């Protein structure tokens, strides 16, 4: 019973073997997953995949890297898709200060607009944060994102910043980096997050866990994330799997 809360099987990297990848995940015990669409190319595919598979859901949003391309038509599209029975969240959205593709102010504007939309349609949000934790938390507070809560996807903040996320009704989701040998901060986070706020994900095809690091990631590997967290917290893999699955279903109202 594993729930991959953030996966991109709608990415080009899976265009030739998508069905086989999804079947491998099911065979590995991944009972549910959320496919995240974040631009014109990936959003329609996320919906198509969710419609095809009973236990796969979709999230739709606009990625900060692509913020410069965001137009009013995209807001209208996201609002319409939020009514789809398989859409369980708005996102991913947020700030990315690593890739210099969209000005920070443009990213912030698009981020704020999507939070507003999520509050209007009453769906949780999925946060992308890269090298921008302080600004992300500031915007979440200013926009009262606690009203809907959501997920700090592939959490990269510190243990000290967890409390601020929890106070705003966010779950902490951990991915492949928790398995990396020298990822001490993420391992500390894995030990400290309250169990009822912990989620797991792959972010496939990115961030493959050890021993697949550097290769294409896939949702079946979410088991490796669960195994590492189980080791760190001195729990069984079954306990981690069941707890994180229950958390995901509660958040996504599944």
Foldseek 3Di string as FASTA:
>chain_A
DFEAAEAALLDPVNPVPSVVLVVLQVVLPHQAYEHEDADPRRQVVSVVVCVVDVRYAYEYEHELLCLVVDDPVSVVVNLVCLPDPRHQEYDDAEDAPPDPRDDRVSSLVRRLSSLVSCLVSQHQYEYDDHPQVVVRLVSCVVSLSLSREEEPPQDDDALVCVVSNVVSNYAYEHEQVCQDPPSVRVLVNLQRGPLLRYAYHHHFLPNAHPPQPPGGHGNSSSLVVLCSSCVSNVHDSVVSRVSNVVSSCVSSVD
